[in-house]
Amino acid sequence: YGSVDETSVRTEEGWRKPKLGSWYTTDEPPLDEPPEEWEPRAKEISYYGDILEAEEFSRLMYLTGLRRGADQAKELIFVADGASWIWKWVKEHFPRAIQIVDWYHAAERIWGVAHAIYGEGSDLASLWAEKRLTALWKGSVAEVLDAIEPHADHRDKDDPARKAVVYFRNNRLRMRYPEFRKAGYQIGSGTIESGCKRIIGARLKQAGMTWTTEGARQVIKARAMFFSEEWDDFCEQRRLSRRTYRRAA
C-alpha cells in the first residue's frame, strides 16, 4: 500500500503544509472469514516526510517507493483523500495501482452537505446523511450525486454541496467500496493519518510552537526515519562515513 497526506505547522514564514507519505503491507484475512468483513491491519510501515511543494515531494516519495519495491509489487493499492495532486502523481508513476478514496473523507463530505442543508445536530441532517452513506457503502455514487445536486449552488464556489458534487464526480471510480471490500482491501487512510499525528503533530504542533522552516523539515525527516525503524541504520551509516573520511584525510 501507499498513502500520502498533508497537515500544517506554524513557522516563522507563516503556516506551512508538511507532507507525509507511507508505504506498508497488511495482514491477510483468515480463511474462514469473508474478506469484506475483515479489517486489514497495516504492518511493515515506512514513512517519508518533508516540507516541499507537491511536485518535488512526489518525486522523492516515488524514490522511497522504489526502495520499498512498490514498482515490483504484485498488487499495489493507494488509499488517500481526494486531493488532485496525489492522484495525478499516482497516475504518472504507478499507473497500474488500484486507487481508493479514503472512506472517512468521503463520509465527511456527505455530513458537510447534510449540515449545510439542515443544520448541524439536526435529526433531519442525520437521517439525510445516513441514507446517503448507505448508498455510498453499497457503491451507488450516482444515488449520492442525485441527492446532493439539487442543493448545489453552482454560482458559489465555496458552497459545500457544489464542492461535494465535484468531489464525488471526480472520484467515483475510486469509490467502488463493495468491490474493494470484497477484495479485502483497506478503504480507510488511518495509517497515514495516524502517522501525521505521531510524526508531525505530536512534536511540532504543541502549544505556542513556532519553527524555522528548515528546523521543522529536519525534525520531520528525523522522526519519519525513527518511526520507520531506520534510525539505527542511519546512525551507523553516518559513523562509517566519518571513519572513511578520517582515514582518507
C-alpha atoms as a PDB file:
ATOM      1  CA  TYR A   1       0.000   0.000   0.000  1.00  0.00           C
ATOM      2  CA  GLY A   2       0.930   3.627  -0.482  1.00  0.00           C
ATOM      3  CA  SER A   3      -0.657   6.652   1.122  1.00  0.00           C
ATOM      4  CA  VAL A   4       0.042  10.397   1.263  1.00  0.00           C
ATOM      5  CA  ASP A   5      -1.412  13.215   3.344  1.00  0.00           C
ATOM      6  CA  GLU A   6      -0.521  16.705   4.497  1.00  0.00           C
ATOM      7  CA  THR A   7      -1.015  18.722   7.659  1.00  0.00           C
ATOM      8  CA  SER A   8       0.006  22.199   8.846  1.00  0.00           C
ATOM      9  CA  VAL A   9       2.798  23.621  11.011  1.00  0.00           C
ATOM     10  CA  ARG A  10       3.376  27.200  12.126  1.00  0.00           C
ATOM     11  CA  THR A  11       6.745  28.585  11.082  1.00  0.00           C
ATOM     12  CA  GLU A  12       8.396  31.995  11.114  1.00  0.00           C
ATOM     13  CA  GLU A  13       7.335  32.280   7.466  1.00  0.00           C
ATOM     14  CA  GLY A  14       3.689  31.586   8.335  1.00  0.00           C
ATOM     15  CA  TRP A  15       1.715  28.357   8.199  1.00  0.00           C
ATOM     16  CA  ARG A  16       3.363  25.687   6.049  1.00  0.00           C
ATOM     17  CA  LYS A  17       1.978  22.343   4.884  1.00  0.00           C
ATOM     18  CA  PRO A  18       4.274  19.401   5.613  1.00  0.00           C
ATOM     19  CA  LYS A  19       3.550  16.278   3.594  1.00  0.00           C
ATOM     20  CA  LEU A  20       3.915  12.717   4.797  1.00  0.00           C
ATOM     21  CA  GLY A  21       3.934   9.560   2.738  1.00  0.00           C
ATOM     22  CA  SER A  22       3.855   5.945   3.863  1.00  0.00           C
ATOM     23  CA  TRP A  23       4.404   2.512   2.371  1.00  0.00           C
ATOM     24  CA  TYR A  24       3.103  -0.574   4.116  1.00  0.00           C
ATOM     25  CA  THR A  25       1.586  -4.012   3.768  1.00  0.00           C
ATOM     26  CA  THR A  26      -1.437  -5.513   5.528  1.00  0.00           C
ATOM     27  CA  ASP A  27      -2.185  -8.838   7.130  1.00  0.00           C
ATOM     28  CA  GLU A  28      -4.349 -11.393   5.348  1.00  0.00           C
ATOM     29  CA  PRO A  29      -7.923 -12.319   6.363  1.00  0.00           C
ATOM     30  CA  PRO A  30      -8.414 -15.757   7.949  1.00  0.00           C
ATOM     31  CA  LEU A  31      -9.577 -18.428   5.533  1.00  0.00           C
ATOM     32  CA  ASP A  32     -12.831 -18.873   7.438  1.00  0.00           C
ATOM     33  CA  GLU A  33     -13.759 -15.164   7.367  1.00  0.00           C
ATOM     34  CA  PRO A  34     -15.233 -13.360   4.316  1.00  0.00           C
ATOM     35  CA  PRO A  35     -12.757 -10.713   3.032  1.00  0.00           C
ATOM     36  CA  GLU A  36     -15.438  -7.981   3.066  1.00  0.00           C
ATOM     37  CA  GLU A  37     -15.902  -8.486   6.827  1.00  0.00           C
ATOM     38  CA  TRP A  38     -12.180  -8.333   7.551  1.00  0.00           C
ATOM     39  CA  GLU A  39     -10.471  -5.156   8.741  1.00  0.00           C
ATOM     40  CA  PRO A  40      -6.892  -5.293   7.427  1.00  0.00           C
ATOM     41  CA  ARG A  41      -4.181  -4.030   9.766  1.00  0.00           C
ATOM     42  CA  ALA A  42      -1.110  -2.224   8.484  1.00  0.00           C
ATOM     43  CA  LYS A  43       2.353  -3.636   9.109  1.00  0.00           C
ATOM     44  CA  GLU A  44       5.931  -3.041   7.892  1.00  0.00           C
ATOM     45  CA  ILE A  45       5.213   0.698   7.747  1.00  0.00           C
ATOM     46  CA  SER A  46       7.825   3.152   6.480  1.00  0.00           C
ATOM     47  CA  TYR A  47       7.419   6.929   6.211  1.00  0.00           C
ATOM     48  CA  TYR A  48       8.863   9.835   4.308  1.00  0.00           C
ATOM     49  CA  GLY A  49       8.100  13.429   5.316  1.00  0.00           C
ATOM     50  CA  ASP A  50       9.180  16.917   4.281  1.00  0.00           C
ATOM     51  CA  ILE A  51       8.016  20.485   3.678  1.00  0.00           C
ATOM     52  CA  LEU A  52       8.134  20.758  -0.095  1.00  0.00           C
ATOM     53  CA  GLU A  53       5.910  21.687  -3.000  1.00  0.00           C
ATOM     54  CA  ALA A  54       3.795  18.821  -4.312  1.00  0.00           C
ATOM     55  CA  GLU A  55       5.895  18.139  -7.412  1.00  0.00           C
ATOM     56  CA  GLU A  56       9.215  17.821  -5.581  1.00  0.00           C
ATOM     57  CA  PHE A  57       7.740  15.853  -2.697  1.00  0.00           C
ATOM     58  CA  SER A  58       6.063  13.473  -5.163  1.00  0.00           C
ATOM     59  CA  ARG A  59       9.377  12.826  -6.917  1.00  0.00           C
ATOM     60  CA  LEU A  60      11.122  11.970  -3.632  1.00  0.00           C
ATOM     61  CA  MET A  61       8.174   9.898  -2.442  1.00  0.00           C
ATOM     62  CA  TYR A  62       8.402   7.937  -5.695  1.00  0.00           C
ATOM     63  CA  LEU A  63      12.049   7.135  -4.946  1.00  0.00           C
ATOM     64  CA  THR A  64      11.138   5.823  -1.491  1.00  0.00           C
ATOM     65  CA  GLY A  65       8.566   3.605  -3.200  1.00  0.00           C
ATOM     66  CA  LEU A  66      11.218   2.159  -5.496  1.00  0.00           C
ATOM     67  CA  ARG A  67      13.361   1.434  -2.459  1.00  0.00           C
ATOM     68  CA  ARG A  68      10.437  -0.489  -0.914  1.00  0.00           C
ATOM     69  CA  GLY A  69       9.853  -2.358  -4.181  1.00  0.00           C
ATOM     70  CA  ALA A  70       6.463  -0.758  -4.840  1.00  0.00           C
ATOM     71  CA  ASP A  71       7.057  -0.911  -8.600  1.00  0.00           C
ATOM     72  CA  GLN A  72       7.583  -4.697  -8.339  1.00  0.00           C
ATOM     73  CA  ALA A  73       4.599  -5.397  -6.081  1.00  0.00           C
ATOM     74  CA  LYS A  74       2.116  -7.985  -7.327  1.00  0.00           C
ATOM     75  CA  GLU A  75      -0.665  -5.709  -6.160  1.00  0.00           C
ATOM     76  CA  LEU A  76      -0.269  -2.022  -5.305  1.00  0.00           C
ATOM     77  CA  ILE A  77      -3.084  -0.071  -3.645  1.00  0.00           C
ATOM     78  CA  PHE A  78      -3.165   3.650  -2.909  1.00  0.00           C
ATOM     79  CA  VAL A  79      -5.511   4.973  -0.243  1.00  0.00           C
ATOM     80  CA  ALA A  80      -5.745   8.749   0.148  1.00  0.00           C
ATOM     81  CA  ASP A  81      -8.172  11.648   0.273  1.00  0.00           C
ATOM     82  CA  GLY A  82      -9.444  13.366  -2.867  1.00  0.00           C
ATOM     83  CA  ALA A  83      -6.505  15.781  -3.353  1.00  0.00           C
ATOM     84  CA  SER A  84      -5.924  16.017  -7.104  1.00  0.00           C
ATOM     85  CA  TRP A  85      -2.115  16.333  -6.826  1.00  0.00           C
ATOM     86  CA  ILE A  86      -1.917  12.942  -5.105  1.00  0.00           C
ATOM     87  CA  TRP A  87      -3.879  11.122  -7.791  1.00  0.00           C
ATOM     88  CA  LYS A  88      -2.012  12.913 -10.578  1.00  0.00           C
ATOM     89  CA  TRP A  89       1.239  11.636  -9.083  1.00  0.00           C
ATOM     90  CA  VAL A  90      -0.099   8.078  -8.668  1.00  0.00           C
ATOM     91  CA  LYS A  91      -1.310   8.011 -12.263  1.00  0.00           C
ATOM     92  CA  GLU A  92       2.053   9.247 -13.546  1.00  0.00           C
ATOM     93  CA  HIS A  93       4.357   6.950 -11.553  1.00  0.00           C
ATOM     94  CA  PHE A  94       2.179   3.937 -10.683  1.00  0.00           C
ATOM     95  CA  PRO A  95      -0.427   3.711 -13.480  1.00  0.00           C
ATOM     96  CA  ARG A  96      -1.375   0.119 -12.612  1.00  0.00           C
ATOM     97  CA  ALA A  97      -2.101   0.892  -8.961  1.00  0.00           C
ATOM     98  CA  ILE A  98      -5.589   0.461  -7.546  1.00  0.00           C
ATOM     99  CA  GLN A  99      -6.824   3.878  -6.358  1.00  0.00           C
ATOM    100  CA  ILE A 100      -9.128   4.177  -3.341  1.00  0.00           C
ATOM    101  CA  VAL A 101     -10.509   7.370  -1.820  1.00  0.00           C
ATOM    102  CA  ASP A 102     -10.498   7.088   1.951  1.00  0.00           C
ATOM    103  CA  TRP A 103     -13.999   6.148   3.108  1.00  0.00           C
ATOM    104  CA  TYR A 104     -13.971   8.588   6.030  1.00  0.00           C
ATOM    105  CA  HIS A 105     -13.110  11.594   3.860  1.00  0.00           C
ATOM    106  CA  ALA A 106     -15.975  10.694   1.538  1.00  0.00           C
ATOM    107  CA  ALA A 107     -18.314  10.317   4.524  1.00  0.00           C
ATOM    108  CA  GLU A 108     -17.227  13.724   5.860  1.00  0.00           C
ATOM    109  CA  ARG A 109     -18.314  15.301   2.567  1.00  0.00           C
ATOM    110  CA  ILE A 110     -21.779  13.825   2.957  1.00  0.00           C
ATOM    111  CA  TRP A 111     -22.072  15.048   6.538  1.00  0.00           C
ATOM    112  CA  GLY A 112     -20.881  18.508   5.469  1.00  0.00           C
ATOM    113  CA  VAL A 113     -23.706  18.756   2.938  1.00  0.00           C
ATOM    114  CA  ALA A 114     -26.261  17.431   5.450  1.00  0.00           C
ATOM    115  CA  HIS A 115     -25.255  20.078   7.987  1.00  0.00           C
ATOM    116  CA  ALA A 116     -25.335  22.824   5.348  1.00  0.00           C
ATOM    117  CA  ILE A 117     -28.888  21.846   4.350  1.00  0.00           C
ATOM    118  CA  TYR A 118     -30.486  21.071   7.714  1.00  0.00           C
ATOM    119  CA  GLY A 119     -28.121  22.485  10.314  1.00  0.00           C
ATOM    120  CA  GLU A 120     -25.554  20.751  12.486  1.00  0.00           C
ATOM    121  CA  GLY A 121     -27.080  18.486  15.131  1.00  0.00           C
ATOM    122  CA  SER A 122     -30.421  18.291  13.333  1.00  0.00           C
ATOM    123  CA  ASP A 123     -32.286  14.963  13.225  1.00  0.00           C
ATOM    124  CA  LEU A 124     -33.121  15.651   9.591  1.00  0.00           C
ATOM    125  CA  ALA A 125     -29.412  16.091   8.856  1.00  0.00           C
ATOM    126  CA  SER A 126     -28.660  12.714  10.452  1.00  0.00           C
ATOM    127  CA  LEU A 127     -31.444  10.953   8.541  1.00  0.00           C
ATOM    128  CA  TRP A 128     -30.372  12.520   5.239  1.00  0.00           C
ATOM    129  CA  ALA A 129     -26.688  11.701   5.776  1.00  0.00           C
ATOM    130  CA  GLU A 130     -27.260   8.108   6.888  1.00  0.00           C
ATOM    131  CA  LYS A 131     -29.278   7.381   3.771  1.00  0.00           C
ATOM    132  CA  ARG A 132     -26.514   8.734   1.539  1.00  0.00           C
ATOM    133  CA  LEU A 133     -23.835   6.851   3.499  1.00  0.00           C
ATOM    134  CA  THR A 134     -25.741   3.595   2.998  1.00  0.00           C
ATOM    135  CA  ALA A 135     -25.881   4.267  -0.738  1.00  0.00           C
ATOM    136  CA  LEU A 136     -22.166   5.038  -0.857  1.00  0.00           C
ATOM    137  CA  TRP A 137     -21.311   1.913   1.156  1.00  0.00           C
ATOM    138  CA  LYS A 138     -23.194  -0.099  -1.450  1.00  0.00           C
ATOM    139  CA  GLY A 139     -21.240   1.622  -4.227  1.00  0.00           C
ATOM    140  CA  SER A 140     -24.021   3.835  -5.599  1.00  0.00           C
ATOM    141  CA  VAL A 141     -22.170   7.100  -6.167  1.00  0.00           C
ATOM    142  CA  ALA A 142     -24.863   8.064  -8.701  1.00  0.00           C
ATOM    143  CA  GLU A 143     -27.503   7.946  -5.965  1.00  0.00           C
ATOM    144  CA  VAL A 144     -25.362  10.158  -3.734  1.00  0.00           C
ATOM    145  CA  LEU A 145     -24.895  12.671  -6.550  1.00  0.00           C
ATOM    146  CA  ASP A 146     -28.612  12.690  -7.335  1.00  0.00           C
ATOM    147  CA  ALA A 147     -29.326  13.577  -3.697  1.00  0.00           C
ATOM    148  CA  ILE A 148     -26.700  16.339  -3.482  1.00  0.00           C
ATOM    149  CA  GLU A 149     -27.139  18.019  -6.859  1.00  0.00           C
ATOM    150  CA  PRO A 150     -30.488  19.794  -6.136  1.00  0.00           C
ATOM    151  CA  HIS A 151     -28.858  21.559  -3.171  1.00  0.00           C
ATOM    152  CA  ALA A 152     -25.769  22.761  -5.048  1.00  0.00           C
ATOM    153  CA  ASP A 153     -25.358  26.476  -5.730  1.00  0.00           C
ATOM    154  CA  HIS A 154     -23.058  26.498  -8.753  1.00  0.00           C
ATOM    155  CA  ARG A 155     -22.662  30.271  -8.524  1.00  0.00           C
ATOM    156  CA  ASP A 156     -20.909  29.941  -5.160  1.00  0.00           C
ATOM    157  CA  LYS A 157     -17.519  28.202  -5.401  1.00  0.00           C
ATOM    158  CA  ASP A 158     -17.473  27.679  -1.610  1.00  0.00           C
ATOM    159  CA  ASP A 159     -20.915  26.068  -1.410  1.00  0.00           C
ATOM    160  CA  PRO A 160     -20.497  22.670   0.351  1.00  0.00           C
ATOM    161  CA  ALA A 161     -22.968  20.901  -1.932  1.00  0.00           C
ATOM    162  CA  ARG A 162     -21.311  22.268  -5.078  1.00  0.00           C
ATOM    163  CA  LYS A 163     -17.882  21.163  -3.822  1.00  0.00           C
ATOM    164  CA  ALA A 164     -19.277  17.744  -2.929  1.00  0.00           C
ATOM    165  CA  VAL A 165     -20.712  17.271  -6.418  1.00  0.00           C
ATOM    166  CA  VAL A 166     -17.286  17.950  -7.954  1.00  0.00           C
ATOM    167  CA  TYR A 167     -15.605  15.692  -5.390  1.00  0.00           C
ATOM    168  CA  PHE A 168     -17.856  12.687  -5.997  1.00  0.00           C
ATOM    169  CA  ARG A 169     -17.823  13.089  -9.773  1.00  0.00           C
ATOM    170  CA  ASN A 170     -14.027  13.265  -9.885  1.00  0.00           C
ATOM    171  CA  ASN A 171     -13.538  10.303  -7.571  1.00  0.00           C
ATOM    172  CA  ARG A 172     -16.413   7.968  -8.410  1.00  0.00           C
ATOM    173  CA  LEU A 173     -14.121   5.241  -9.789  1.00  0.00           C
ATOM    174  CA  ARG A 174     -12.116   5.404  -6.555  1.00  0.00           C
ATOM    175  CA  MET A 175     -15.276   4.758  -4.534  1.00  0.00           C
ATOM    176  CA  ARG A 176     -16.106   1.221  -5.639  1.00  0.00           C
ATOM    177  CA  TYR A 177     -16.282   0.246  -1.990  1.00  0.00           C
ATOM    178  CA  PRO A 178     -18.156  -3.081  -2.310  1.00  0.00           C
ATOM    179  CA  GLU A 179     -15.584  -4.261  -4.850  1.00  0.00           C
ATOM    180  CA  PHE A 180     -12.686  -3.113  -2.666  1.00  0.00           C
ATOM    181  CA  ARG A 181     -14.104  -4.710   0.476  1.00  0.00           C
ATOM    182  CA  LYS A 182     -14.722  -7.986  -1.334  1.00  0.00           C
ATOM    183  CA  ALA A 183     -11.064  -7.998  -2.365  1.00  0.00           C
ATOM    184  CA  GLY A 184     -10.053  -7.497   1.280  1.00  0.00           C
ATOM    185  CA  TYR A 185      -8.514  -4.062   0.690  1.00  0.00           C
ATOM    186  CA  GLN A 186      -8.130  -1.355   3.272  1.00  0.00           C
ATOM    187  CA  ILE A 187     -10.526   1.516   2.444  1.00  0.00           C
ATOM    188  CA  GLY A 188      -9.501   3.902   5.219  1.00  0.00           C
ATOM    189  CA  SER A 189      -6.398   6.093   5.390  1.00  0.00           C
ATOM    190  CA  GLY A 190      -5.974   5.707   9.143  1.00  0.00           C
ATOM    191  CA  THR A 191      -2.369   4.551   8.711  1.00  0.00           C
ATOM    192  CA  ILE A 192      -1.168   7.828   7.197  1.00  0.00           C
ATOM    193  CA  GLU A 193      -3.392   9.988   9.397  1.00  0.00           C
ATOM    194  CA  SER A 194      -2.014   8.298  12.492  1.00  0.00           C
ATOM    195  CA  GLY A 195       1.470   8.872  11.083  1.00  0.00           C
ATOM    196  CA  CYS A 196       0.790  12.594  10.646  1.00  0.00           C
ATOM    197  CA  LYS A 197      -0.274  12.836  14.293  1.00  0.00           C
ATOM    198  CA  ARG A 198       2.642  10.846  15.705  1.00  0.00           C
ATOM    199  CA  ILE A 199       5.440  12.090  13.466  1.00  0.00           C
ATOM    200  CA  ILE A 200       4.420  15.709  12.907  1.00  0.00           C
ATOM    201  CA  GLY A 201       1.630  16.748  15.242  1.00  0.00           C
ATOM    202  CA  ALA A 202       2.954  15.274  18.497  1.00  0.00           C
ATOM    203  CA  ARG A 203       6.277  17.107  18.181  1.00  0.00           C
ATOM    204  CA  LEU A 204       5.753  20.179  16.010  1.00  0.00           C
ATOM    205  CA  LYS A 205       2.225  21.291  16.899  1.00  0.00           C
ATOM    206  CA  GLN A 206       2.401  21.757  20.634  1.00  0.00           C
ATOM    207  CA  ALA A 207       1.000  24.935  22.215  1.00  0.00           C
ATOM    208  CA  GLY A 208       2.839  28.112  21.268  1.00  0.00           C
ATOM    209  CA  MET A 209       5.362  26.477  18.956  1.00  0.00           C
ATOM    210  CA  THR A 210       6.784  28.401  16.001  1.00  0.00           C
ATOM    211  CA  TRP A 211       9.508  26.763  13.930  1.00  0.00           C
ATOM    212  CA  THR A 212      12.005  27.793  11.314  1.00  0.00           C
ATOM    213  CA  THR A 213      11.084  26.002   8.105  1.00  0.00           C
ATOM    214  CA  GLU A 214      14.440  24.240   7.941  1.00  0.00           C
ATOM    215  CA  GLY A 215      14.221  23.190  11.595  1.00  0.00           C
ATOM    216  CA  ALA A 216      10.754  21.737  11.040  1.00  0.00           C
ATOM    217  CA  ARG A 217      11.943  19.901   7.928  1.00  0.00           C
ATOM    218  CA  GLN A 218      14.834  18.273   9.755  1.00  0.00           C
ATOM    219  CA  VAL A 219      12.683  17.199  12.707  1.00  0.00           C
ATOM    220  CA  ILE A 220      10.032  15.724  10.388  1.00  0.00           C
ATOM    221  CA  LYS A 221      12.606  13.781   8.390  1.00  0.00           C
ATOM    222  CA  ALA A 222      14.327  12.508  11.528  1.00  0.00           C
ATOM    223  CA  ARG A 223      11.064  11.391  13.157  1.00  0.00           C
ATOM    224  CA  ALA A 224       9.891   9.728   9.925  1.00  0.00           C
ATOM    225  CA  MET A 225      13.130   7.767   9.926  1.00  0.00           C
ATOM    226  CA  PHE A 226      12.742   6.854  13.594  1.00  0.00           C
ATOM    227  CA  PHE A 227       9.156   5.626  13.237  1.00  0.00           C
ATOM    228  CA  SER A 228      10.191   3.658  10.149  1.00  0.00           C
ATOM    229  CA  GLU A 229      12.734   1.834  12.376  1.00  0.00           C
ATOM    230  CA  GLU A 230      15.567   3.145  10.177  1.00  0.00           C
ATOM    231  CA  TRP A 231      17.232   5.385  12.748  1.00  0.00           C
ATOM    232  CA  ASP A 232      19.911   2.923  13.920  1.00  0.00           C
ATOM    233  CA  ASP A 233      20.920   2.118  10.331  1.00  0.00           C
ATOM    234  CA  PHE A 234      21.143   5.831   9.549  1.00  0.00           C
ATOM    235  CA  CYS A 235      23.364   6.492  12.573  1.00  0.00           C
ATOM    236  CA  GLU A 236      25.604   3.550  11.682  1.00  0.00           C
ATOM    237  CA  GLN A 237      25.998   4.827   8.116  1.00  0.00           C
ATOM    238  CA  ARG A 238      27.000   8.235   9.454  1.00  0.00           C
ATOM    239  CA  ARG A 239      29.610   6.662  11.726  1.00  0.00           C
ATOM    240  CA  LEU A 240      31.017   4.636   8.837  1.00  0.00           C
ATOM    241  CA  SER A 241      31.168   7.651   6.526  1.00  0.00           C
ATOM    242  CA  ARG A 242      33.021   9.672   9.183  1.00  0.00           C
ATOM    243  CA  ARG A 243      35.581   6.869   9.672  1.00  0.00           C
ATOM    244  CA  THR A 244      36.132   6.667   5.919  1.00  0.00           C
ATOM    245  CA  TYR A 245      36.625  10.416   5.711  1.00  0.00           C
ATOM    246  CA  ARG A 246      39.155  10.459   8.563  1.00  0.00           C
ATOM    247  CA  ARG A 247      41.165   7.626   7.036  1.00  0.00           C
ATOM    248  CA  ALA A 248      41.210   9.358   3.656  1.00  0.00           C
ATOM    249  CA  ALA A 249      42.352  12.594   5.289  1.00  0.00           C
END
